[in-house]
Amino acid sequence: MKDHIWRRVLDVGHYLAQEKTTVREAAKKFGVSKSTVHKDVTERLPKVNPELAEKVRKVLEVNKAERHLRGGEATRRKYQGADAVQGRRSLLPEVE
């Protein structure tokens, strides 16, 4: 593994473990694709630092379990914003 990739793998792994963020946010921070981040933490990181890889795996499991909730929230915000701009009544139920 090339040196710059090895360093990126560790940097991304530490970032995900400490910040408990998503792959998408990590990809944006490090300027690489989501696919690259995912490959770094699922395939390369266990070879470089197994303990850190286990911490990151747990973060990814939590993200996967919460994924449907975040997606629903984003959709709700999207359509509430569109309704406010267009002056239409929302078809989605009000959430309090």
N, C-alpha and C. Protein backbone atom coordinates (compact mmCIF):
# COMPACT_ATOMS: atom_id res chain seq x y z
N MET A 1 0.85 -1.17 0.00
CA MET A 1 0.00 0.00 0.00
C MET A 1 0.90 1.23 0.00
N LYS A 2 0.58 2.17 -0.87
CA LYS A 2 1.37 3.38 -0.96
C LYS A 2 1.23 4.20 0.32
N ASP A 3 2.26 4.97 0.60
CA ASP A 3 2.33 5.71 1.86
C ASP A 3 1.17 6.68 2.03
N HIS A 4 0.81 7.41 0.98
CA HIS A 4 -0.27 8.39 1.12
C HIS A 4 -1.62 7.71 1.35
N ILE A 5 -1.81 6.53 0.79
CA ILE A 5 -3.05 5.79 1.02
C ILE A 5 -3.07 5.28 2.46
N TRP A 6 -1.95 4.76 2.91
CA TRP A 6 -1.85 4.26 4.29
C TRP A 6 -2.19 5.36 5.29
N ARG A 7 -1.64 6.57 5.05
CA ARG A 7 -1.93 7.70 5.94
C ARG A 7 -3.40 8.10 5.88
N ARG A 8 -3.97 8.12 4.66
CA ARG A 8 -5.38 8.49 4.51
C ARG A 8 -6.27 7.49 5.23
N VAL A 9 -5.96 6.21 5.11
CA VAL A 9 -6.75 5.17 5.77
C VAL A 9 -6.79 5.42 7.28
N LEU A 10 -5.64 5.68 7.86
CA LEU A 10 -5.59 5.95 9.30
C LEU A 10 -6.30 7.25 9.66
N ASP A 11 -6.09 8.29 8.86
CA ASP A 11 -6.75 9.58 9.13
C ASP A 11 -8.27 9.45 9.07
N VAL A 12 -8.76 8.80 8.04
CA VAL A 12 -10.21 8.63 7.89
C VAL A 12 -10.74 7.75 9.02
N GLY A 13 -10.03 6.70 9.36
CA GLY A 13 -10.45 5.83 10.45
C GLY A 13 -10.55 6.56 11.78
N HIS A 14 -9.53 7.35 12.10
CA HIS A 14 -9.56 8.13 13.35
C HIS A 14 -10.69 9.15 13.32
N TYR A 15 -10.88 9.79 12.19
CA TYR A 15 -11.94 10.80 12.06
C TYR A 15 -13.32 10.16 12.30
N LEU A 16 -13.58 9.04 11.64
CA LEU A 16 -14.88 8.38 11.81
C LEU A 16 -15.08 7.90 13.24
N ALA A 17 -14.05 7.34 13.83
CA ALA A 17 -14.17 6.82 15.20
C ALA A 17 -14.39 7.94 16.21
N GLN A 18 -13.69 9.06 16.05
CA GLN A 18 -13.79 10.15 17.02
C GLN A 18 -15.05 10.99 16.82
N GLU A 19 -15.36 11.32 15.58
CA GLU A 19 -16.48 12.21 15.30
C GLU A 19 -17.81 11.47 15.16
N LYS A 20 -17.75 10.16 14.98
CA LYS A 20 -18.94 9.33 14.78
C LYS A 20 -19.82 9.92 13.68
N THR A 21 -19.19 10.21 12.57
CA THR A 21 -19.84 10.86 11.45
C THR A 21 -20.18 9.84 10.36
N THR A 22 -20.74 10.29 9.27
CA THR A 22 -21.10 9.39 8.18
C THR A 22 -19.97 9.29 7.16
N VAL A 23 -20.04 8.26 6.33
CA VAL A 23 -19.07 8.08 5.25
C VAL A 23 -19.12 9.28 4.32
N ARG A 24 -20.32 9.77 4.04
CA ARG A 24 -20.49 10.92 3.15
C ARG A 24 -19.77 12.15 3.70
N GLU A 25 -19.93 12.43 4.99
CA GLU A 25 -19.27 13.59 5.60
C GLU A 25 -17.75 13.41 5.61
N ALA A 26 -17.28 12.21 5.88
CA ALA A 26 -15.84 11.94 5.87
C ALA A 26 -15.28 12.12 4.47
N ALA A 27 -16.00 11.65 3.47
CA ALA A 27 -15.55 11.79 2.09
C ALA A 27 -15.41 13.26 1.72
N LYS A 28 -16.37 14.05 2.13
CA LYS A 28 -16.32 15.48 1.83
C LYS A 28 -15.12 16.13 2.53
N LYS A 29 -14.89 15.76 3.79
CA LYS A 29 -13.78 16.36 4.54
C LYS A 29 -12.43 16.01 3.93
N PHE A 30 -12.27 14.77 3.47
CA PHE A 30 -10.97 14.32 2.95
C PHE A 30 -10.84 14.47 1.44
N GLY A 31 -11.89 14.93 0.78
CA GLY A 31 -11.81 15.19 -0.65
C GLY A 31 -11.70 13.94 -1.51
N VAL A 32 -12.33 12.86 -1.07
CA VAL A 32 -12.35 11.62 -1.84
C VAL A 32 -13.81 11.16 -1.96
N SER A 33 -14.03 10.12 -2.75
CA SER A 33 -15.40 9.64 -2.96
C SER A 33 -15.86 8.79 -1.77
N LYS A 34 -17.19 8.63 -1.68
CA LYS A 34 -17.75 7.77 -0.64
C LYS A 34 -17.25 6.34 -0.81
N SER A 35 -17.10 5.92 -2.06
CA SER A 35 -16.61 4.56 -2.33
C SER A 35 -15.20 4.37 -1.80
N THR A 36 -14.37 5.40 -1.96
CA THR A 36 -12.99 5.32 -1.48
C THR A 36 -12.96 5.23 0.04
N VAL A 37 -13.76 6.06 0.71
CA VAL A 37 -13.81 6.02 2.17
C VAL A 37 -14.29 4.65 2.63
N HIS A 38 -15.32 4.14 1.99
CA HIS A 38 -15.86 2.85 2.40
C HIS A 38 -14.82 1.74 2.21
N LYS A 39 -14.12 1.76 1.08
CA LYS A 39 -13.08 0.75 0.84
C LYS A 39 -11.95 0.91 1.85
N ASP A 40 -11.58 2.16 2.14
CA ASP A 40 -10.51 2.41 3.11
C ASP A 40 -10.84 1.79 4.47
N VAL A 41 -12.07 2.01 4.95
CA VAL A 41 -12.39 1.58 6.31
C VAL A 41 -12.85 0.13 6.41
N THR A 42 -13.34 -0.45 5.31
CA THR A 42 -13.81 -1.84 5.41
C THR A 42 -12.77 -2.86 4.94
N GLU A 43 -11.91 -2.47 4.02
CA GLU A 43 -10.92 -3.42 3.50
C GLU A 43 -9.50 -3.11 3.95
N ARG A 44 -9.10 -1.86 3.86
CA ARG A 44 -7.70 -1.51 4.14
C ARG A 44 -7.43 -1.32 5.63
N LEU A 45 -8.33 -0.66 6.34
CA LEU A 45 -8.10 -0.36 7.75
C LEU A 45 -7.90 -1.62 8.60
N PRO A 46 -8.67 -2.69 8.41
CA PRO A 46 -8.42 -3.89 9.23
C PRO A 46 -7.00 -4.45 9.08
N LYS A 47 -6.39 -4.25 7.92
CA LYS A 47 -5.02 -4.72 7.71
C LYS A 47 -4.00 -3.81 8.39
N VAL A 48 -4.33 -2.52 8.48
CA VAL A 48 -3.40 -1.53 9.03
C VAL A 48 -3.54 -1.43 10.55
N ASN A 49 -4.79 -1.36 11.04
CA ASN A 49 -5.03 -1.16 12.47
C ASN A 49 -6.35 -1.86 12.85
N PRO A 50 -6.29 -3.13 13.21
CA PRO A 50 -7.52 -3.89 13.51
C PRO A 50 -8.36 -3.31 14.64
N GLU A 51 -7.73 -2.76 15.67
CA GLU A 51 -8.50 -2.19 16.79
C GLU A 51 -9.31 -0.99 16.34
N LEU A 52 -8.68 -0.11 15.58
CA LEU A 52 -9.39 1.06 15.06
C LEU A 52 -10.48 0.62 14.09
N ALA A 53 -10.21 -0.39 13.30
CA ALA A 53 -11.20 -0.89 12.34
C ALA A 53 -12.45 -1.37 13.06
N GLU A 54 -12.29 -1.98 14.21
CA GLU A 54 -13.44 -2.46 14.98
C GLU A 54 -14.27 -1.28 15.49
N LYS A 55 -13.62 -0.22 15.94
CA LYS A 55 -14.35 0.97 16.39
C LYS A 55 -15.13 1.59 15.23
N VAL A 56 -14.49 1.68 14.09
CA VAL A 56 -15.13 2.26 12.91
C VAL A 56 -16.29 1.38 12.45
N ARG A 57 -16.12 0.07 12.52
CA ARG A 57 -17.19 -0.85 12.13
C ARG A 57 -18.44 -0.62 12.96
N LYS A 58 -18.26 -0.36 14.26
CA LYS A 58 -19.40 -0.10 15.13
C LYS A 58 -20.10 1.20 14.74
N VAL A 59 -19.32 2.23 14.40
CA VAL A 59 -19.91 3.49 13.95
C VAL A 59 -20.71 3.27 12.67
N LEU A 60 -20.16 2.50 11.75
CA LEU A 60 -20.86 2.22 10.49
C LEU A 60 -22.14 1.43 10.73
N GLU A 61 -22.12 0.52 11.69
CA GLU A 61 -23.34 -0.24 12.01
C GLU A 61 -24.43 0.68 12.55
N VAL A 62 -24.05 1.62 13.41
CA VAL A 62 -25.03 2.58 13.94
C VAL A 62 -25.58 3.43 12.79
N ASN A 63 -24.70 3.89 11.92
CA ASN A 63 -25.15 4.70 10.78
C ASN A 63 -26.12 3.92 9.91
N LYS A 64 -25.83 2.66 9.68
CA LYS A 64 -26.70 1.84 8.85
C LYS A 64 -28.06 1.66 9.52
N ALA A 65 -28.06 1.46 10.83
CA ALA A 65 -29.32 1.28 11.56
C ALA A 65 -30.16 2.56 11.55
N GLU A 66 -29.51 3.72 11.52
CA GLU A 66 -30.22 5.00 11.56
C GLU A 66 -30.49 5.57 10.17
N ARG A 67 -29.99 4.91 9.15
CA ARG A 67 -30.08 5.45 7.79
C ARG A 67 -31.51 5.77 7.38
N HIS A 68 -32.44 4.88 7.67
CA HIS A 68 -33.83 5.12 7.25
C HIS A 68 -34.43 6.32 7.96
N LEU A 69 -33.98 6.59 9.17
CA LEU A 69 -34.49 7.76 9.90
C LEU A 69 -33.96 9.06 9.30
N ARG A 70 -32.67 9.08 8.99
CA ARG A 70 -32.08 10.28 8.39
C ARG A 70 -32.69 10.56 7.02
N GLY A 71 -32.92 9.52 6.24
CA GLY A 71 -33.52 9.70 4.92
C GLY A 71 -34.92 10.26 5.01
N GLY A 72 -35.70 9.76 5.93
CA GLY A 72 -37.06 10.27 6.12
C GLY A 72 -37.06 11.72 6.57
N GLU A 73 -36.16 12.07 7.44
CA GLU A 73 -36.06 13.45 7.92
C GLU A 73 -35.67 14.38 6.77
N ALA A 74 -34.73 13.96 5.94
CA ALA A 74 -34.31 14.79 4.80
C ALA A 74 -35.47 14.99 3.83
N THR A 75 -36.24 13.95 3.59
CA THR A 75 -37.39 14.06 2.68
C THR A 75 -38.42 15.01 3.27
N ARG A 76 -38.68 14.91 4.55
CA ARG A 76 -39.64 15.80 5.21
C ARG A 76 -39.21 17.26 5.07
N ARG A 77 -37.93 17.52 5.35
CA ARG A 77 -37.43 18.90 5.23
C ARG A 77 -37.51 19.39 3.79
N LYS A 78 -37.18 18.52 2.87
CA LYS A 78 -37.20 18.88 1.45
C LYS A 78 -38.59 19.35 1.04
N TYR A 79 -39.60 18.58 1.38
CA TYR A 79 -40.94 18.93 0.94
C TYR A 79 -41.55 20.05 1.76
N GLN A 80 -41.20 20.20 2.99
CA GLN A 80 -41.68 21.34 3.77
C GLN A 80 -41.12 22.63 3.19
N GLY A 81 -39.85 22.60 2.80
CA GLY A 81 -39.24 23.78 2.18
C GLY A 81 -39.88 24.12 0.86
N ALA A 82 -40.17 23.13 0.04
CA ALA A 82 -40.80 23.36 -1.27
C ALA A 82 -42.20 23.91 -1.09
N ASP A 83 -42.95 23.42 -0.11
CA ASP A 83 -44.30 23.90 0.12
C ASP A 83 -44.31 25.35 0.57
N ALA A 84 -43.36 25.70 1.42
CA ALA A 84 -43.30 27.07 1.91
C ALA A 84 -43.01 28.03 0.78
N VAL A 85 -42.13 27.65 -0.12
CA VAL A 85 -41.77 28.51 -1.25
C VAL A 85 -42.92 28.63 -2.22
N GLN A 86 -43.62 27.53 -2.50
CA GLN A 86 -44.68 27.52 -3.49
C GLN A 86 -46.05 27.86 -2.90
N GLY A 87 -46.13 28.02 -1.58
CA GLY A 87 -47.38 28.39 -0.94
C GLY A 87 -48.43 27.29 -0.94
N ARG A 88 -48.01 26.05 -0.99
CA ARG A 88 -48.95 24.93 -0.98
C ARG A 88 -49.03 24.31 0.40
N ARG A 89 -50.14 23.63 0.63
CA ARG A 89 -50.30 22.88 1.86
C ARG A 89 -49.48 21.60 1.77
N SER A 90 -48.83 21.22 2.84
CA SER A 90 -48.02 20.01 2.85
C SER A 90 -48.91 18.78 2.86
N LEU A 91 -48.52 17.78 2.09
CA LEU A 91 -49.22 16.50 2.10
C LEU A 91 -48.69 15.60 3.20
N LEU A 92 -47.56 15.99 3.77
CA LEU A 92 -46.97 15.21 4.85
C LEU A 92 -47.58 15.63 6.17
N PRO A 93 -47.76 14.70 7.09
CA PRO A 93 -48.33 15.07 8.39
C PRO A 93 -47.37 15.98 9.16
N GLU A 94 -47.94 16.83 9.96
CA GLU A 94 -47.13 17.73 10.79
C GLU A 94 -46.44 16.92 11.87
N VAL A 95 -45.17 17.20 12.08
CA VAL A 95 -44.39 16.52 13.11
C VAL A 95 -44.08 17.54 14.19
N GLU A 96 -44.43 17.20 15.40
CA GLU A 96 -44.19 18.14 16.50
C GLU A 96 -43.14 17.64 17.42
